[in-house]
Amino acid sequence: MGERQKQLLKLLRGSKPGLSVDELSKGLAITRNAVRQHLATLEVAGLVGTGASRPSGGGRPQQLYVLTELGKEMAPRQYSWLAQLVLASVRREAGIDMGKRMTEIGANVAHQIRSQYPGLSTHKEKVEKLAEVMDQLGYSARNATVSGGESIIEADNCVFHSMAKKDLAICHLDRGLMGTFTDSDVEHHECMAQGGNVCRFKLKSKEE
């Protein structure tokens, strides 16, 4: 798969309603014809399909393009293989609180990763570095601090998507990782496994 096609899939991953040819052309900085050629290739591969149509201000409705289920599964999920092994192991333990155990595992992962960045001091620095780390792990994450100063991390690639749709306990691993890495209380405001457009987490510093 070419780099442009990977970028196109990433753009679609960030927009659940879908994107038009014009929007993809602008996002990729290539011509509309080039976008159509890439879309045709990705449609044949079963990674992209047509979504709804959207009114375009009096002209012809704009056709939107979306990721298929196969296209969603093509997203980088380097971290998920580990979680599958962990979840399978935890399920074999009788009488266990799954959510609590997954939080503990996420916290242990956070301690290991934080040890690589000893210079982090402020809450802002920790959140920014966490967004970078999560992006590297395949979450397609970004620091989306809002105007009120609240620290928000948004991820439009749920690395545990297939597992989370079956068992939301896996999401506690994310919260354990994020809370421990940033010394924060974490609130999960939106979840892709429950139909959200992104996974959105609010992080409030425990030091405040």
Protein backbone atom coordinates (compact mmCIF):
# COMPACT_ATOMS: atom_id res chain seq x y z
CA MET A 1 0.00 0.00 0.00
CA GLY A 2 1.33 3.42 -0.95
CA GLU A 3 1.95 6.21 1.53
CA ARG A 4 -0.87 8.33 0.10
CA GLN A 5 -3.32 5.48 0.53
CA LYS A 6 -2.22 5.04 4.14
CA GLN A 7 -2.75 8.77 4.69
CA LEU A 8 -6.18 8.56 3.06
CA LEU A 9 -7.19 5.71 5.38
CA LYS A 10 -5.96 7.72 8.36
CA LEU A 11 -8.12 10.70 7.34
CA LEU A 12 -11.18 8.48 7.02
CA ARG A 13 -10.39 6.88 10.38
CA GLY A 14 -10.70 10.32 11.96
CA SER A 15 -14.15 11.02 10.50
CA LYS A 16 -16.87 8.53 11.32
CA PRO A 17 -19.51 10.18 9.02
CA GLY A 18 -17.07 9.97 6.12
CA LEU A 19 -15.31 12.45 3.85
CA SER A 20 -15.97 13.70 0.33
CA VAL A 21 -13.53 13.70 -2.56
CA ASP A 22 -13.06 17.45 -2.10
CA GLU A 23 -12.25 17.04 1.60
CA LEU A 24 -9.81 14.22 0.90
CA SER A 25 -8.19 16.26 -1.86
CA LYS A 26 -7.66 19.15 0.55
CA GLY A 27 -6.47 16.91 3.38
CA LEU A 28 -3.95 15.09 1.19
CA ALA A 29 -2.97 18.12 -0.91
CA ILE A 30 -3.50 16.19 -4.16
CA THR A 31 -5.94 16.53 -7.05
CA ARG A 32 -9.50 15.23 -6.98
CA ASN A 33 -8.65 12.82 -9.81
CA ALA A 34 -5.77 11.41 -7.80
CA VAL A 35 -8.11 10.94 -4.83
CA ARG A 36 -10.59 9.07 -7.00
CA GLN A 37 -7.84 6.76 -8.26
CA HIS A 38 -6.77 5.94 -4.70
CA LEU A 39 -10.38 5.43 -3.63
CA ALA A 40 -10.97 3.05 -6.54
CA THR A 41 -7.95 0.97 -5.52
CA LEU A 42 -9.00 0.89 -1.87
CA GLU A 43 -12.60 0.00 -2.77
CA VAL A 44 -11.42 -2.97 -4.83
CA ALA A 45 -9.34 -4.06 -1.82
CA GLY A 46 -12.45 -3.87 0.36
CA LEU A 47 -11.00 -1.21 2.66
CA VAL A 48 -13.19 1.75 1.67
CA GLY A 49 -16.86 1.99 0.78
CA THR A 50 -19.45 4.64 0.00
CA GLY A 51 -21.36 6.15 2.91
CA ALA A 52 -24.18 8.66 2.98
CA SER A 53 -24.59 11.62 0.65
CA ARG A 54 -24.41 15.15 1.99
CA PRO A 55 -26.10 18.29 0.61
CA SER A 56 -23.58 20.66 -0.97
CA GLY A 57 -25.31 24.02 -0.84
CA GLY A 58 -27.65 23.77 -3.80
CA GLY A 59 -25.46 21.67 -6.07
CA ARG A 60 -25.25 17.92 -6.47
CA PRO A 61 -25.07 16.03 -3.17
CA GLN A 62 -21.55 15.07 -2.15
CA GLN A 63 -20.80 11.36 -1.87
CA LEU A 64 -19.02 10.49 1.38
CA TYR A 65 -16.51 7.68 1.69
CA VAL A 66 -16.01 5.61 4.83
CA LEU A 67 -13.84 2.79 6.09
CA THR A 68 -15.25 -0.70 5.88
CA GLU A 69 -14.87 -3.07 8.83
CA LEU A 70 -11.83 -4.53 7.06
CA GLY A 71 -10.43 -1.04 6.62
CA LYS A 72 -10.82 -0.34 10.32
CA GLU A 73 -8.97 -3.53 11.17
CA MET A 74 -6.10 -2.45 8.88
CA ALA A 75 -5.22 0.32 11.33
CA PRO A 76 -1.94 -0.13 13.20
CA ARG A 77 -2.58 -1.91 16.47
CA GLN A 78 0.86 -2.95 17.64
CA TYR A 79 -0.29 -2.86 21.27
CA SER A 80 -3.39 -5.03 20.90
CA TRP A 81 -1.62 -8.38 20.57
CA LEU A 82 -0.24 -7.94 24.09
CA ALA A 83 -3.66 -7.08 25.48
CA GLN A 84 -5.17 -10.19 23.92
CA LEU A 85 -2.63 -12.37 25.71
CA VAL A 86 -3.14 -10.49 28.98
CA LEU A 87 -6.94 -10.65 28.77
CA ALA A 88 -6.89 -14.37 28.04
CA SER A 89 -4.60 -14.95 31.02
CA VAL A 90 -6.71 -12.86 33.40
CA ARG A 91 -9.90 -14.63 32.35
CA ARG A 92 -8.42 -17.92 33.52
CA GLU A 93 -8.18 -16.58 37.07
CA ALA A 94 -11.29 -17.36 39.10
CA GLY A 95 -13.13 -14.76 41.19
CA ILE A 96 -11.24 -11.78 39.81
CA ASP A 97 -12.41 -8.20 39.26
CA MET A 98 -11.54 -7.82 35.58
CA GLY A 99 -11.71 -4.04 35.55
CA LYS A 100 -9.46 -3.70 38.59
CA ARG A 101 -6.92 -6.17 37.26
CA MET A 102 -6.76 -4.49 33.83
CA THR A 103 -6.25 -1.11 35.55
CA GLU A 104 -3.34 -2.59 37.51
CA ILE A 105 -1.79 -3.99 34.34
CA GLY A 106 -2.14 -0.63 32.57
CA ALA A 107 -0.49 1.08 35.55
CA ASN A 108 2.44 -1.35 35.42
CA VAL A 109 2.92 -0.62 31.72
CA ALA A 110 2.83 3.12 32.49
CA HIS A 111 5.57 2.79 35.13
CA GLN A 112 7.82 1.05 32.63
CA ILE A 113 7.24 3.66 29.92
CA ARG A 114 7.54 6.64 32.32
CA SER A 115 10.98 5.41 33.41
CA GLN A 116 12.17 6.31 29.91
CA TYR A 117 11.21 9.98 30.44
CA PRO A 118 12.62 11.02 33.84
CA GLY A 119 12.55 14.71 32.96
CA LEU A 120 8.76 15.10 32.91
CA SER A 121 7.67 17.44 35.70
CA THR A 122 4.48 19.38 34.92
CA HIS A 123 1.10 17.85 34.22
CA LYS A 124 1.10 19.49 30.78
CA GLU A 125 4.42 17.83 29.88
CA LYS A 126 3.16 14.44 31.02
CA VAL A 127 -0.06 14.69 28.99
CA GLU A 128 1.79 15.84 25.87
CA LYS A 129 4.30 12.99 26.17
CA LEU A 130 1.51 10.47 26.80
CA ALA A 131 -0.23 11.56 23.59
CA GLU A 132 3.04 10.98 21.71
CA VAL A 133 3.52 7.56 23.29
CA MET A 134 -0.05 6.49 22.56
CA ASP A 135 0.30 7.65 18.98
CA GLN A 136 3.42 5.50 18.62
CA LEU A 137 1.50 2.53 20.05
CA GLY A 138 -1.06 2.88 17.27
CA TYR A 139 -3.84 4.89 18.94
CA SER A 140 -3.59 7.80 16.47
CA ALA A 141 -3.80 9.97 19.59
CA ARG A 142 -3.51 13.71 20.06
CA ASN A 143 -3.49 16.17 22.94
CA ALA A 144 -6.72 18.13 22.57
CA THR A 145 -6.56 20.52 25.53
CA VAL A 146 -9.74 22.61 25.49
CA SER A 147 -10.20 26.32 26.13
CA GLY A 148 -11.01 25.86 29.81
CA GLY A 149 -7.57 24.36 30.38
CA GLU A 150 -8.76 20.80 30.89
CA SER A 151 -6.38 18.16 29.60
CA ILE A 152 -8.04 15.97 26.99
CA ILE A 153 -6.57 13.15 24.92
CA GLU A 154 -8.47 11.95 21.88
CA ALA A 155 -7.68 8.75 19.97
CA ASP A 156 -9.41 7.85 16.72
CA ASN A 157 -7.92 4.36 16.48
CA CYS A 158 -9.01 2.09 19.32
CA VAL A 159 -6.24 -0.50 19.45
CA PHE A 160 -8.54 -2.83 21.39
CA HIS A 161 -11.62 -2.21 19.23
CA SER A 162 -12.59 -5.81 18.49
CA MET A 163 -12.01 -6.89 22.09
CA ALA A 164 -13.69 -3.82 23.60
CA LYS A 165 -16.89 -4.46 21.64
CA LYS A 166 -17.09 -7.83 23.42
CA ASP A 167 -15.81 -6.80 26.84
CA LEU A 168 -15.38 -3.18 27.97
CA ALA A 169 -13.16 -4.33 30.84
CA ILE A 170 -10.23 -3.99 28.42
CA CYS A 171 -10.77 -0.19 28.44
CA HIS A 172 -9.58 -0.16 32.07
CA LEU A 173 -6.11 -0.95 30.75
CA ASP A 174 -6.14 2.37 28.89
CA ARG A 175 -7.30 4.25 31.99
CA GLY A 176 -4.68 2.58 34.16
CA LEU A 177 -1.97 3.47 31.67
CA MET A 178 -3.07 7.08 31.27
CA GLY A 179 -3.78 7.77 34.93
CA THR A 180 -0.46 6.42 36.17
CA PHE A 181 1.64 7.98 33.39
CA THR A 182 0.22 11.46 34.04
CA ASP A 183 -0.61 11.18 37.78
CA SER A 184 -4.21 11.93 36.91
CA ASP A 185 -7.77 10.90 37.57
CA VAL A 186 -9.10 9.75 34.19
CA GLU A 187 -12.67 10.08 32.92
CA HIS A 188 -13.64 8.20 29.75
CA HIS A 189 -16.07 10.59 28.04
CA GLU A 190 -16.49 8.92 24.65
CA CYS A 191 -15.79 5.38 23.47
CA MET A 192 -15.50 4.08 19.91
CA ALA A 193 -16.52 0.58 21.03
CA GLN A 194 -19.83 2.10 22.15
CA GLY A 195 -20.45 4.02 18.94
CA GLY A 196 -18.42 7.17 19.58
CA ASN A 197 -16.45 8.97 16.89
CA VAL A 198 -13.28 8.89 19.03
CA CYS A 199 -12.10 7.64 22.39
CA ARG A 200 -11.94 10.80 24.50
CA PHE A 201 -10.32 10.93 27.93
CA LYS A 202 -10.28 13.81 30.40
CA LEU A 203 -7.22 13.86 32.68
CA LYS A 204 -7.34 15.83 35.93
CA SER A 205 -4.08 16.15 37.81
CA LYS A 206 -4.09 14.59 41.28
CA GLU A 207 -1.72 17.34 42.38
CA GLU A 208 -4.26 20.14 41.83
